[in-house]
């Protein structure tokens, strides 16, 4: 598992990710999950008028995490002015 964490940290850094946190306890997990849910409301508050927000989750095997972080977004999204975070 430690190797997978290091791989993910390197991938996040290489793709200019802002932060990478790991839940090491039940309390850490609850705290990170709460922050993730609150982020939705923050994004809703700053979105431009007339826009919609789509929020999704993705489950990825640890062995493929670095690969998916580096995947380019679909050209379809780029032409429709979709903002991704």
Foldseek 3Di string as FASTA:
>chain_A
DVVLLVLLVVLCVVLVNDDDDDDPDPVSVVVVVVVVVVVVVVCVVPDDPPDDDDDDDDDDPSVCNSVVSPDDDDVVCVVVVDDDD
